[in-house]
PDB file of N, CA and C in Angstrom:
ATOM      1  N   MET A   1     -46.784  22.431  90.493  1.00  0.00           N
ATOM      2  CA  MET A   1     -46.200  23.387  89.557  1.00  0.00           C
ATOM      3  C   MET A   1     -45.467  22.645  88.437  1.00  0.00           C
ATOM      4  N   LYS A   2     -44.742  21.613  88.780  1.00  0.00           N
ATOM      5  CA  LYS A   2     -43.993  20.846  87.782  1.00  0.00           C
ATOM      6  C   LYS A   2     -44.932  20.215  86.758  1.00  0.00           C
ATOM      7  N   LEU A   3     -46.082  19.725  87.227  1.00  0.00           N
ATOM      8  CA  LEU A   3     -47.046  19.086  86.332  1.00  0.00           C
ATOM      9  C   LEU A   3     -47.603  20.091  85.322  1.00  0.00           C
ATOM     10  N   LYS A   4     -47.899  21.316  85.793  1.00  0.00           N
ATOM     11  CA  LYS A   4     -48.410  22.346  84.877  1.00  0.00           C
ATOM     12  C   LYS A   4     -47.366  22.709  83.829  1.00  0.00           C
ATOM     13  N   GLN A   5     -46.115  22.834  84.246  1.00  0.00           N
ATOM     14  CA  GLN A   5     -45.054  23.151  83.288  1.00  0.00           C
ATOM     15  C   GLN A   5     -44.929  22.043  82.253  1.00  0.00           C
ATOM     16  N   ARG A   6     -45.041  20.813  82.701  1.00  0.00           N
ATOM     17  CA  ARG A   6     -44.954  19.666  81.786  1.00  0.00           C
ATOM     18  C   ARG A   6     -46.112  19.698  80.791  1.00  0.00           C
ATOM     19  N   ARG A   7     -47.319  20.030  81.308  1.00  0.00           N
ATOM     20  CA  ARG A   7     -48.493  20.086  80.438  1.00  0.00           C
ATOM     21  C   ARG A   7     -48.335  21.169  79.375  1.00  0.00           C
ATOM     22  N   TYR A   8     -47.843  22.349  79.781  1.00  0.00           N
ATOM     23  CA  TYR A   8     -47.640  23.433  78.816  1.00  0.00           C
ATOM     24  C   TYR A   8     -46.539  23.080  77.822  1.00  0.00           C
ATOM     25  N   GLY A   9     -45.510  22.401  78.284  1.00  0.00           N
ATOM     26  CA  GLY A   9     -44.443  21.976  77.384  1.00  0.00           C
ATOM     27  C   GLY A   9     -44.958  21.012  76.331  1.00  0.00           C
ATOM     28  N   CYS A  10     -45.802  20.073  76.747  1.00  0.00           N
ATOM     29  CA  CYS A  10     -46.383  19.106  75.813  1.00  0.00           C
ATOM     30  C   CYS A  10     -47.320  19.816  74.838  1.00  0.00           C
ATOM     31  N   ARG A  11     -48.100  20.756  75.347  1.00  0.00           N
ATOM     32  CA  ARG A  11     -49.014  21.513  74.481  1.00  0.00           C
ATOM     33  C   ARG A  11     -48.228  22.320  73.446  1.00  0.00           C
ATOM     34  N   ALA A  12     -47.150  22.958  73.881  1.00  0.00           N
ATOM     35  CA  ALA A  12     -46.317  23.739  72.964  1.00  0.00           C
ATOM     36  C   ALA A  12     -45.695  22.831  71.906  1.00  0.00           C
ATOM     37  N   MET A  13     -45.277  21.639  72.314  1.00  0.00           N
ATOM     38  CA  MET A  13     -44.731  20.686  71.346  1.00  0.00           C
ATOM     39  C   MET A  13     -45.753  20.340  70.277  1.00  0.00           C
ATOM     40  N   MET A  14     -46.986  20.084  70.701  1.00  0.00           N
ATOM     41  CA  MET A  14     -48.031  19.722  69.740  1.00  0.00           C
ATOM     42  C   MET A  14     -48.346  20.894  68.807  1.00  0.00           C
ATOM     43  N   LEU A  15     -48.408  22.097  69.360  1.00  0.00           N
ATOM     44  CA  LEU A  15     -48.674  23.275  68.525  1.00  0.00           C
ATOM     45  C   LEU A  15     -47.567  23.487  67.498  1.00  0.00           C
ATOM     46  N   GLU A  16     -46.335  23.330  67.913  1.00  0.00           N
ATOM     47  CA  GLU A  16     -45.221  23.523  66.985  1.00  0.00           C
ATOM     48  C   GLU A  16     -45.158  22.408  65.950  1.00  0.00           C
ATOM     49  N   THR A  17     -45.576  21.212  66.335  1.00  0.00           N
ATOM     50  CA  THR A  17     -45.635  20.101  65.384  1.00  0.00           C
ATOM     51  C   THR A  17     -46.596  20.437  64.254  1.00  0.00           C
ATOM     52  N   VAL A  18     -47.745  20.984  64.621  1.00  0.00           N
ATOM     53  CA  VAL A  18     -48.777  21.336  63.649  1.00  0.00           C
ATOM     54  C   VAL A  18     -48.394  22.610  62.890  1.00  0.00           C
ATOM     55  N   ALA A  19     -47.730  23.541  63.562  1.00  0.00           N
ATOM     56  CA  ALA A  19     -47.422  24.842  62.958  1.00  0.00           C
ATOM     57  C   ALA A  19     -46.458  24.744  61.780  1.00  0.00           C
ATOM     58  N   ALA A  20     -45.636  23.717  61.740  1.00  0.00           N
ATOM     59  CA  ALA A  20     -44.666  23.586  60.649  1.00  0.00           C
ATOM     60  C   ALA A  20     -45.306  23.075  59.362  1.00  0.00           C
ATOM     61  N   VAL A  21     -46.466  22.472  59.466  1.00  0.00           N
ATOM     62  CA  VAL A  21     -47.097  21.822  58.312  1.00  0.00           C
ATOM     63  C   VAL A  21     -47.576  22.807  57.238  1.00  0.00           C
ATOM     64  N   PRO A  22     -48.294  23.885  57.568  1.00  0.00           N
ATOM     65  CA  PRO A  22     -48.808  24.765  56.506  1.00  0.00           C
ATOM     66  C   PRO A  22     -47.732  25.335  55.583  1.00  0.00           C
ATOM     67  N   GLY A  23     -46.604  25.740  56.130  1.00  0.00           N
ATOM     68  CA  GLY A  23     -45.530  26.261  55.289  1.00  0.00           C
ATOM     69  C   GLY A  23     -44.983  25.202  54.351  1.00  0.00           C
ATOM     70  N   MET A  24     -44.847  23.987  54.868  1.00  0.00           N
ATOM     71  CA  MET A  24     -44.339  22.890  54.043  1.00  0.00           C
ATOM     72  C   MET A  24     -45.332  22.531  52.939  1.00  0.00           C
ATOM     73  N   VAL A  25     -46.601  22.434  53.294  1.00  0.00           N
ATOM     74  CA  VAL A  25     -47.633  22.106  52.299  1.00  0.00           C
ATOM     75  C   VAL A  25     -47.731  23.219  51.259  1.00  0.00           C
ATOM     76  N   GLY A  26     -47.764  24.466  51.714  1.00  0.00           N
ATOM     77  CA  GLY A  26     -47.846  25.594  50.788  1.00  0.00           C
ATOM     78  C   GLY A  26     -46.646  25.652  49.859  1.00  0.00           C
ATOM     79  N   GLY A  27     -45.459  25.465  50.413  1.00  0.00           N
ATOM     80  CA  GLY A  27     -44.250  25.474  49.596  1.00  0.00           C
ATOM     81  C   GLY A  27     -44.237  24.349  48.577  1.00  0.00           C
ATOM     82  N   MET A  28     -44.680  23.175  49.011  1.00  0.00           N
ATOM     83  CA  MET A  28     -44.712  22.015  48.121  1.00  0.00           C
ATOM     84  C   MET A  28     -45.706  22.224  46.977  1.00  0.00           C
ATOM     85  N   LEU A  29     -46.900  22.693  47.313  1.00  0.00           N
ATOM     86  CA  LEU A  29     -47.911  22.910  46.278  1.00  0.00           C
ATOM     87  C   LEU A  29     -47.507  24.029  45.318  1.00  0.00           C
ATOM     88  N   LEU A  30     -46.918  25.080  45.864  1.00  0.00           N
ATOM     89  CA  LEU A  30     -46.456  26.178  45.009  1.00  0.00           C
ATOM     90  C   LEU A  30     -45.303  25.722  44.111  1.00  0.00           C
ATOM     91  N   HIS A  31     -44.444  24.882  44.639  1.00  0.00           N
ATOM     92  CA  HIS A  31     -43.346  24.325  43.848  1.00  0.00           C
ATOM     93  C   HIS A  31     -43.897  23.526  42.664  1.00  0.00           C
ATOM     94  N   CYS A  32     -44.872  22.666  42.942  1.00  0.00           N
ATOM     95  CA  CYS A  32     -45.480  21.860  41.866  1.00  0.00           C
ATOM     96  C   CYS A  32     -46.179  22.748  40.834  1.00  0.00           C
ATOM     97  N   LYS A  33     -46.874  23.781  41.311  1.00  0.00           N
ATOM     98  CA  LYS A  33     -47.553  24.716  40.402  1.00  0.00           C
ATOM     99  C   LYS A  33     -46.537  25.440  39.517  1.00  0.00           C
ATOM    100  N   SER A  34     -45.436  25.844  40.119  1.00  0.00           N
ATOM    101  CA  SER A  34     -44.387  26.527  39.372  1.00  0.00           C
ATOM    102  C   SER A  34     -43.797  25.612  38.298  1.00  0.00           C
ATOM    103  N   LEU A  35     -43.621  24.348  38.628  1.00  0.00           N
ATOM    104  CA  LEU A  35     -43.102  23.390  37.644  1.00  0.00           C
ATOM    105  C   LEU A  35     -44.094  23.158  36.511  1.00  0.00           C
ATOM    106  N   ARG A  36     -45.375  23.049  36.849  1.00  0.00           N
ATOM    107  CA  ARG A  36     -46.397  22.818  35.822  1.00  0.00           C
ATOM    108  C   ARG A  36     -46.502  23.982  34.856  1.00  0.00           C
ATOM    109  N   ARG A  37     -46.391  25.198  35.386  1.00  0.00           N
ATOM    110  CA  ARG A  37     -46.589  26.397  34.559  1.00  0.00           C
ATOM    111  C   ARG A  37     -45.292  26.964  33.987  1.00  0.00           C
ATOM    112  N   PHE A  38     -44.163  26.372  34.349  1.00  0.00           N
ATOM    113  CA  PHE A  38     -42.860  26.842  33.868  1.00  0.00           C
ATOM    114  C   PHE A  38     -42.636  28.319  34.206  1.00  0.00           C
ATOM    115  N   GLU A  39     -42.948  28.693  35.438  1.00  0.00           N
ATOM    116  CA  GLU A  39     -42.759  30.089  35.847  1.00  0.00           C
ATOM    117  C   GLU A  39     -42.194  30.148  37.264  1.00  0.00           C
ATOM    118  N   HIS A  40     -41.605  31.288  37.576  1.00  0.00           N
ATOM    119  CA  HIS A  40     -41.030  31.503  38.902  1.00  0.00           C
ATOM    120  C   HIS A  40     -42.131  31.823  39.908  1.00  0.00           C
ATOM    121  N   SER A  41     -41.834  31.566  41.165  1.00  0.00           N
ATOM    122  CA  SER A  41     -42.823  31.827  42.214  1.00  0.00           C
ATOM    123  C   SER A  41     -42.650  33.208  42.829  1.00  0.00           C
ATOM    124  N   GLY A  42     -41.634  33.930  42.423  1.00  0.00           N
ATOM    125  CA  GLY A  42     -41.395  35.246  43.006  1.00  0.00           C
ATOM    126  C   GLY A  42     -40.837  35.168  44.418  1.00  0.00           C
ATOM    127  N   GLY A  43     -40.199  34.065  44.750  1.00  0.00           N
ATOM    128  CA  GLY A  43     -39.611  33.919  46.080  1.00  0.00           C
ATOM    129  C   GLY A  43     -40.532  33.307  47.119  1.00  0.00           C
ATOM    130  N   TRP A  44     -41.769  33.003  46.745  1.00  0.00           N
ATOM    131  CA  TRP A  44     -42.733  32.474  47.712  1.00  0.00           C
ATOM    132  C   TRP A  44     -42.390  31.068  48.194  1.00  0.00           C
ATOM    133  N   ILE A  45     -41.868  30.244  47.314  1.00  0.00           N
ATOM    134  CA  ILE A  45     -41.514  28.877  47.721  1.00  0.00           C
ATOM    135  C   ILE A  45     -40.477  28.935  48.836  1.00  0.00           C
ATOM    136  N   LYS A  46     -39.447  29.719  48.620  1.00  0.00           N
ATOM    137  CA  LYS A  46     -38.380  29.849  49.615  1.00  0.00           C
ATOM    138  C   LYS A  46     -38.925  30.410  50.930  1.00  0.00           C
ATOM    139  N   ALA A  47     -39.773  31.419  50.845  1.00  0.00           N
ATOM    140  CA  ALA A  47     -40.333  32.033  52.054  1.00  0.00           C
ATOM    141  C   ALA A  47     -41.163  31.030  52.851  1.00  0.00           C
ATOM    142  N   LEU A  48     -41.989  30.253  52.167  1.00  0.00           N
ATOM    143  CA  LEU A  48     -42.831  29.277  52.865  1.00  0.00           C
ATOM    144  C   LEU A  48     -42.002  28.161  53.489  1.00  0.00           C
ATOM    145  N   LEU A  49     -40.993  27.701  52.778  1.00  0.00           N
ATOM    146  CA  LEU A  49     -40.138  26.648  53.334  1.00  0.00           C
ATOM    147  C   LEU A  49     -39.282  27.170  54.485  1.00  0.00           C
ATOM    148  N   GLU A  50     -38.888  28.437  54.426  1.00  0.00           N
ATOM    149  CA  GLU A  50     -38.163  29.038  55.553  1.00  0.00           C
ATOM    150  C   GLU A  50     -39.063  29.134  56.779  1.00  0.00           C
ATOM    151  N   GLU A  51     -40.339  29.433  56.570  1.00  0.00           N
ATOM    152  CA  GLU A  51     -41.289  29.475  57.687  1.00  0.00           C
ATOM    153  C   GLU A  51     -41.438  28.090  58.315  1.00  0.00           C
ATOM    154  N   ALA A  52     -41.516  27.068  57.476  1.00  0.00           N
ATOM    155  CA  ALA A  52     -41.597  25.695  57.990  1.00  0.00           C
ATOM    156  C   ALA A  52     -40.336  25.351  58.782  1.00  0.00           C
ATOM    157  N   GLU A  53     -39.187  25.774  58.297  1.00  0.00           N
ATOM    158  CA  GLU A  53     -37.921  25.530  59.006  1.00  0.00           C
ATOM    159  C   GLU A  53     -37.898  26.265  60.340  1.00  0.00           C
ATOM    160  N   ASN A  54     -38.401  27.488  60.358  1.00  0.00           N
ATOM    161  CA  ASN A  54     -38.475  28.262  61.595  1.00  0.00           C
ATOM    162  C   ASN A  54     -39.342  27.540  62.629  1.00  0.00           C
ATOM    163  N   GLU A  55     -40.482  27.042  62.201  1.00  0.00           N
ATOM    164  CA  GLU A  55     -41.363  26.308  63.116  1.00  0.00           C
ATOM    165  C   GLU A  55     -40.705  25.007  63.577  1.00  0.00           C
ATOM    166  N   ARG A  56     -39.936  24.383  62.710  1.00  0.00           N
ATOM    167  CA  ARG A  56     -39.214  23.166  63.087  1.00  0.00           C
ATOM    168  C   ARG A  56     -38.207  23.468  64.194  1.00  0.00           C
ATOM    169  N   MET A  57     -37.538  24.607  64.089  1.00  0.00           N
ATOM    170  CA  MET A  57     -36.580  24.984  65.128  1.00  0.00           C
ATOM    171  C   MET A  57     -37.290  25.275  66.448  1.00  0.00           C
ATOM    172  N   HIS A  58     -38.482  25.856  66.378  1.00  0.00           N
ATOM    173  CA  HIS A  58     -39.275  26.049  67.596  1.00  0.00           C
ATOM    174  C   HIS A  58     -39.581  24.697  68.228  1.00  0.00           C
ATOM    175  N   LEU A  59     -39.970  23.729  67.395  1.00  0.00           N
ATOM    176  CA  LEU A  59     -40.263  22.386  67.902  1.00  0.00           C
ATOM    177  C   LEU A  59     -39.034  21.782  68.564  1.00  0.00           C
ATOM    178  N   MET A  60     -37.873  21.919  67.944  1.00  0.00           N
ATOM    179  CA  MET A  60     -36.641  21.368  68.527  1.00  0.00           C
ATOM    180  C   MET A  60     -36.354  22.014  69.886  1.00  0.00           C
ATOM    181  N   THR A  61     -36.624  23.308  69.993  1.00  0.00           N
ATOM    182  CA  THR A  61     -36.428  24.005  71.264  1.00  0.00           C
ATOM    183  C   THR A  61     -37.358  23.451  72.331  1.00  0.00           C
ATOM    184  N   PHE A  62     -38.640  23.290  71.996  1.00  0.00           N
ATOM    185  CA  PHE A  62     -39.588  22.768  72.979  1.00  0.00           C
ATOM    186  C   PHE A  62     -39.326  21.300  73.299  1.00  0.00           C
ATOM    187  N   MET A  63     -38.787  20.547  72.348  1.00  0.00           N
ATOM    188  CA  MET A  63     -38.425  19.153  72.631  1.00  0.00           C
ATOM    189  C   MET A  63     -37.302  19.120  73.663  1.00  0.00           C
ATOM    190  N   GLU A  64     -36.391  20.070  73.563  1.00  0.00           N
ATOM    191  CA  GLU A  64     -35.288  20.141  74.522  1.00  0.00           C
ATOM    192  C   GLU A  64     -35.798  20.543  75.909  1.00  0.00           C
ATOM    193  N   VAL A  65     -36.760  21.459  75.941  1.00  0.00           N
ATOM    194  CA  VAL A  65     -37.317  21.928  77.213  1.00  0.00           C
ATOM    195  C   VAL A  65     -38.213  20.869  77.849  1.00  0.00           C
ATOM    196  N   ALA A  66     -39.110  20.281  77.063  1.00  0.00           N
ATOM    197  CA  ALA A  66     -40.114  19.359  77.599  1.00  0.00           C
ATOM    198  C   ALA A  66     -39.563  17.961  77.858  1.00  0.00           C
ATOM    199  N   LYS A  67     -38.480  17.597  77.199  1.00  0.00           N
ATOM    200  CA  LYS A  67     -37.920  16.246  77.339  1.00  0.00           C
ATOM    201  C   LYS A  67     -39.010  15.185  77.195  1.00  0.00           C
ATOM    202  N   PRO A  68     -39.583  15.059  75.996  1.00  0.00           N
ATOM    203  CA  PRO A  68     -40.715  14.142  75.821  1.00  0.00           C
ATOM    204  C   PRO A  68     -40.327  12.678  76.009  1.00  0.00           C
ATOM    205  N   ARG A  69     -41.282  11.943  76.547  1.00  0.00           N
ATOM    206  CA  ARG A  69     -41.102  10.501  76.706  1.00  0.00           C
ATOM    207  C   ARG A  69     -41.398   9.836  75.372  1.00  0.00           C
ATOM    208  N   TRP A  70     -41.164   8.546  75.272  1.00  0.00           N
ATOM    209  CA  TRP A  70     -41.320   7.825  74.002  1.00  0.00           C
ATOM    210  C   TRP A  70     -42.737   7.930  73.464  1.00  0.00           C
ATOM    211  N   TYR A  71     -43.746   7.849  74.347  1.00  0.00           N
ATOM    212  CA  TYR A  71     -45.129   7.908  73.873  1.00  0.00           C
ATOM    213  C   TYR A  71     -45.508   9.313  73.414  1.00  0.00           C
ATOM    214  N   GLU A  72     -44.880  10.333  73.989  1.00  0.00           N
ATOM    215  CA  GLU A  72     -45.129  11.700  73.520  1.00  0.00           C
ATOM    216  C   GLU A  72     -44.474  11.920  72.149  1.00  0.00           C
ATOM    217  N   ARG A  73     -43.329  11.326  71.944  1.00  0.00           N
ATOM    218  CA  ARG A  73     -42.682  11.391  70.623  1.00  0.00           C
ATOM    219  C   ARG A  73     -43.536  10.673  69.582  1.00  0.00           C
ATOM    220  N   ALA A  74     -44.099   9.535  69.974  1.00  0.00           N
ATOM    221  CA  ALA A  74     -44.992   8.800  69.063  1.00  0.00           C
ATOM    222  C   ALA A  74     -46.221   9.642  68.744  1.00  0.00           C
ATOM    223  N   LEU A  75     -46.721  10.367  69.743  1.00  0.00           N
ATOM    224  CA  LEU A  75     -47.872  11.241  69.531  1.00  0.00           C
ATOM    225  C   LEU A  75     -47.524  12.369  68.556  1.00  0.00           C
ATOM    226  N   VAL A  76     -46.325  12.931  68.679  1.00  0.00           N
ATOM    227  CA  VAL A  76     -45.874  13.985  67.760  1.00  0.00           C
ATOM    228  C   VAL A  76     -45.875  13.460  66.323  1.00  0.00           C
ATOM    229  N   ILE A  77     -45.342  12.261  66.128  1.00  0.00           N
ATOM    230  CA  ILE A  77     -45.292  11.666  64.788  1.00  0.00           C
ATOM    231  C   ILE A  77     -46.702  11.448  64.247  1.00  0.00           C
ATOM    232  N   THR A  78     -47.586  10.932  65.095  1.00  0.00           N
ATOM    233  CA  THR A  78     -48.964  10.664  64.683  1.00  0.00           C
ATOM    234  C   THR A  78     -49.701  11.953  64.344  1.00  0.00           C
ATOM    235  N   VAL A  79     -49.616  12.936  65.231  1.00  0.00           N
ATOM    236  CA  VAL A  79     -50.304  14.216  65.016  1.00  0.00           C
ATOM    237  C   VAL A  79     -49.812  14.870  63.729  1.00  0.00           C
ATOM    238  N   GLN A  80     -48.505  14.854  63.525  1.00  0.00           N
ATOM    239  CA  GLN A  80     -47.968  15.490  62.327  1.00  0.00           C
ATOM    240  C   GLN A  80     -48.413  14.754  61.062  1.00  0.00           C
ATOM    241  N   GLY A  81     -48.404  13.443  61.097  1.00  0.00           N
ATOM    242  CA  GLY A  81     -48.835  12.668  59.930  1.00  0.00           C
ATOM    243  C   GLY A  81     -50.291  12.901  59.583  1.00  0.00           C
ATOM    244  N   VAL A  82     -51.140  12.869  60.591  1.00  0.00           N
ATOM    245  CA  VAL A  82     -52.572  13.079  60.365  1.00  0.00           C
ATOM    246  C   VAL A  82     -52.830  14.510  59.903  1.00  0.00           C
ATOM    247  N   PHE A  83     -52.226  15.484  60.593  1.00  0.00           N
ATOM    248  CA  PHE A  83     -52.477  16.880  60.243  1.00  0.00           C
ATOM    249  C   PHE A  83     -51.931  17.222  58.858  1.00  0.00           C
ATOM    250  N   PHE A  84     -50.757  16.683  58.509  1.00  0.00           N
ATOM    251  CA  PHE A  84     -50.190  16.963  57.185  1.00  0.00           C
ATOM    252  C   PHE A  84     -51.163  16.539  56.093  1.00  0.00           C
ATOM    253  N   ASN A  85     -51.666  15.322  56.190  1.00  0.00           N
ATOM    254  CA  ASN A  85     -52.584  14.816  55.164  1.00  0.00           C
ATOM    255  C   ASN A  85     -53.906  15.574  55.160  1.00  0.00           C
ATOM    256  N   ALA A  86     -54.437  15.865  56.346  1.00  0.00           N
ATOM    257  CA  ALA A  86     -55.701  16.598  56.435  1.00  0.00           C
ATOM    258  C   ALA A  86     -55.541  18.015  55.884  1.00  0.00           C
ATOM    259  N   TYR A  87     -54.445  18.685  56.242  1.00  0.00           N
ATOM    260  CA  TYR A  87     -54.228  20.049  55.770  1.00  0.00           C
ATOM    261  C   TYR A  87     -53.994  20.066  54.257  1.00  0.00           C
ATOM    262  N   PHE A  88     -53.242  19.097  53.763  1.00  0.00           N
ATOM    263  CA  PHE A  88     -52.987  18.998  52.326  1.00  0.00           C
ATOM    264  C   PHE A  88     -54.304  18.875  51.562  1.00  0.00           C
ATOM    265  N   LEU A  89     -55.152  17.961  51.988  1.00  0.00           N
ATOM    266  CA  LEU A  89     -56.454  17.788  51.329  1.00  0.00           C
ATOM    267  C   LEU A  89     -57.331  19.026  51.509  1.00  0.00           C
ATOM    268  N   GLY A  90     -57.326  19.579  52.725  1.00  0.00           N
ATOM    269  CA  GLY A  90     -58.110  20.784  52.985  1.00  0.00           C
ATOM    270  C   GLY A  90     -57.671  21.950  52.120  1.00  0.00           C
ATOM    271  N   TYR A  91     -56.366  22.089  51.933  1.00  0.00           N
ATOM    272  CA  TYR A  91     -55.853  23.178  51.100  1.00  0.00           C
ATOM    273  C   TYR A  91     -56.245  22.986  49.642  1.00  0.00           C
ATOM    274  N   LEU A  92     -56.227  21.737  49.182  1.00  0.00           N
ATOM    275  CA  LEU A  92     -56.647  21.468  47.803  1.00  0.00           C
ATOM    276  C   LEU A  92     -58.124  21.780  47.607  1.00  0.00           C
ATOM    277  N   LEU A  93     -58.947  21.468  48.617  1.00  0.00           N
ATOM    278  CA  LEU A  93     -60.389  21.691  48.515  1.00  0.00           C
ATOM    279  C   LEU A  93     -60.774  23.153  48.712  1.00  0.00           C
ATOM    280  N   SER A  94     -60.132  23.813  49.691  1.00  0.00           N
ATOM    281  CA  SER A  94     -60.491  25.196  49.990  1.00  0.00           C
ATOM    282  C   SER A  94     -59.293  25.952  50.574  1.00  0.00           C
ATOM    283  N   PRO A  95     -58.503  26.591  49.733  1.00  0.00           N
ATOM    284  CA  PRO A  95     -57.359  27.352  50.240  1.00  0.00           C
ATOM    285  C   PRO A  95     -57.766  28.439  51.240  1.00  0.00           C
ATOM    286  N   LYS A  96     -58.924  29.043  51.029  1.00  0.00           N
ATOM    287  CA  LYS A  96     -59.398  30.094  51.933  1.00  0.00           C
ATOM    288  C   LYS A  96     -59.588  29.538  53.349  1.00  0.00           C
ATOM    289  N   PHE A  97     -60.220  28.382  53.447  1.00  0.00           N
ATOM    290  CA  PHE A  97     -60.414  27.738  54.749  1.00  0.00           C
ATOM    291  C   PHE A  97     -59.064  27.383  55.378  1.00  0.00           C
ATOM    292  N   ALA A  98     -58.142  26.881  54.562  1.00  0.00           N
ATOM    293  CA  ALA A  98     -56.825  26.493  55.072  1.00  0.00           C
ATOM    294  C   ALA A  98     -56.084  27.700  55.646  1.00  0.00           C
ATOM    295  N   HIS A  99     -56.179  28.849  54.974  1.00  0.00           N
ATOM    296  CA  HIS A  99     -55.523  30.052  55.476  1.00  0.00           C
ATOM    297  C   HIS A  99     -56.166  30.526  56.777  1.00  0.00           C
ATOM    298  N   ARG A 100     -57.478  30.419  56.872  1.00  0.00           N
ATOM    299  CA  ARG A 100     -58.153  30.798  58.118  1.00  0.00           C
ATOM    300  C   ARG A 100     -57.746  29.879  59.264  1.00  0.00           C
ATOM    301  N   MET A 101     -57.572  28.617  58.939  1.00  0.00           N
ATOM    302  CA  MET A 101     -57.168  27.652  59.956  1.00  0.00           C
ATOM    303  C   MET A 101     -55.775  27.985  60.497  1.00  0.00           C
ATOM    304  N   VAL A 102     -54.881  28.421  59.625  1.00  0.00           N
ATOM    305  CA  VAL A 102     -53.544  28.823  60.059  1.00  0.00           C
ATOM    306  C   VAL A 102     -53.646  30.020  61.007  1.00  0.00           C
ATOM    307  N   GLY A 103     -54.518  30.973  60.685  1.00  0.00           N
ATOM    308  CA  GLY A 103     -54.737  32.113  61.574  1.00  0.00           C
ATOM    309  C   GLY A 103     -55.220  31.675  62.940  1.00  0.00           C
ATOM    310  N   TYR A 104     -56.138  30.712  62.966  1.00  0.00           N
ATOM    311  CA  TYR A 104     -56.636  30.180  64.234  1.00  0.00           C
ATOM    312  C   TYR A 104     -55.507  29.509  65.017  1.00  0.00           C
ATOM    313  N   LEU A 105     -54.686  28.732  64.345  1.00  0.00           N
ATOM    314  CA  LEU A 105     -53.573  28.051  65.014  1.00  0.00           C
ATOM    315  C   LEU A 105     -52.593  29.057  65.612  1.00  0.00           C
ATOM    316  N   GLU A 106     -52.328  30.132  64.883  1.00  0.00           N
ATOM    317  CA  GLU A 106     -51.418  31.159  65.395  1.00  0.00           C
ATOM    318  C   GLU A 106     -52.000  31.845  66.631  1.00  0.00           C
ATOM    319  N   GLU A 107     -53.304  32.120  66.608  1.00  0.00           N
ATOM    320  CA  GLU A 107     -53.948  32.711  67.783  1.00  0.00           C
ATOM    321  C   GLU A 107     -53.877  31.764  68.973  1.00  0.00           C
ATOM    322  N   GLU A 108     -54.095  30.492  68.726  1.00  0.00           N
ATOM    323  CA  GLU A 108     -54.026  29.490  69.788  1.00  0.00           C
ATOM    324  C   GLU A 108     -52.614  29.416  70.366  1.00  0.00           C
ATOM    325  N   ALA A 109     -51.622  29.515  69.508  1.00  0.00           N
ATOM    326  CA  ALA A 109     -50.235  29.494  69.970  1.00  0.00           C
ATOM    327  C   ALA A 109     -49.941  30.706  70.852  1.00  0.00           C
ATOM    328  N   ILE A 110     -50.413  31.873  70.442  1.00  0.00           N
ATOM    329  CA  ILE A 110     -50.206  33.085  71.243  1.00  0.00           C
ATOM    330  C   ILE A 110     -50.848  32.927  72.614  1.00  0.00           C
ATOM    331  N   HIS A 111     -52.076  32.429  72.640  1.00  0.00           N
ATOM    332  CA  HIS A 111     -52.776  32.215  73.913  1.00  0.00           C
ATOM    333  C   HIS A 111     -52.009  31.218  74.787  1.00  0.00           C
ATOM    334  N   SER A 112     -51.584  30.125  74.208  1.00  0.00           N
ATOM    335  CA  SER A 112     -50.870  29.093  74.967  1.00  0.00           C
ATOM    336  C   SER A 112     -49.555  29.617  75.526  1.00  0.00           C
ATOM    337  N   TYR A 113     -48.805  30.345  74.709  1.00  0.00           N
ATOM    338  CA  TYR A 113     -47.520  30.857  75.171  1.00  0.00           C
ATOM    339  C   TYR A 113     -47.701  31.932  76.233  1.00  0.00           C
ATOM    340  N   THR A 114     -48.764  32.712  76.124  1.00  0.00           N
ATOM    341  CA  THR A 114     -49.060  33.712  77.150  1.00  0.00           C
ATOM    342  C   THR A 114     -49.335  33.028  78.484  1.00  0.00           C
ATOM    343  N   GLU A 115     -50.148  31.976  78.463  1.00  0.00           N
ATOM    344  CA  GLU A 115     -50.440  31.220  79.688  1.00  0.00           C
ATOM    345  C   GLU A 115     -49.178  30.560  80.237  1.00  0.00           C
ATOM    346  N   PHE A 116     -48.361  30.048  79.349  1.00  0.00           N
ATOM    347  CA  PHE A 116     -47.111  29.404  79.744  1.00  0.00           C
ATOM    348  C   PHE A 116     -46.204  30.406  80.459  1.00  0.00           C
ATOM    349  N   LEU A 117     -46.092  31.612  79.910  1.00  0.00           N
ATOM    350  CA  LEU A 117     -45.250  32.641  80.521  1.00  0.00           C
ATOM    351  C   LEU A 117     -45.806  33.115  81.858  1.00  0.00           C
ATOM    352  N   LYS A 118     -47.135  33.171  81.990  1.00  0.00           N
ATOM    353  CA  LYS A 118     -47.748  33.555  83.268  1.00  0.00           C
ATOM    354  C   LYS A 118     -47.390  32.561  84.363  1.00  0.00           C
ATOM    355  N   GLU A 119     -47.317  31.284  84.009  1.00  0.00           N
ATOM    356  CA  GLU A 119     -47.000  30.238  84.980  1.00  0.00           C
ATOM    357  C   GLU A 119     -45.543  30.286  85.431  1.00  0.00           C
ATOM    358  N   LEU A 120     -44.671  30.830  84.579  1.00  0.00           N
ATOM    359  CA  LEU A 120     -43.257  30.923  84.957  1.00  0.00           C
ATOM    360  C   LEU A 120     -43.115  31.992  86.000  1.00  0.00           C
TER     361      LEU A 120
END
């Protein structure tokens, strides 16, 4: 039972690591667009960055629960670095695909958390 809880905790950590990236990338790109065009974003920059902050707090919560070892922390850094760059490029190439990918990630998170709660 302990091993399964640890596995779900690690999975939740990885999902939350990835989940914070789209809001940050979207906010950053919208910020740059707003600067280039000299216009307001209508509050979208703030909303996207708040979403990224919310996901960051979820990650901090799961880090406290899962108590990751040094190699799991290294994995979090690696996954976030790779995903940030991949998502950034993907969003530049196809925003539609990037938005669909976020939907898939959210569905995966719901499924994972449902399984996690069943195990408790």
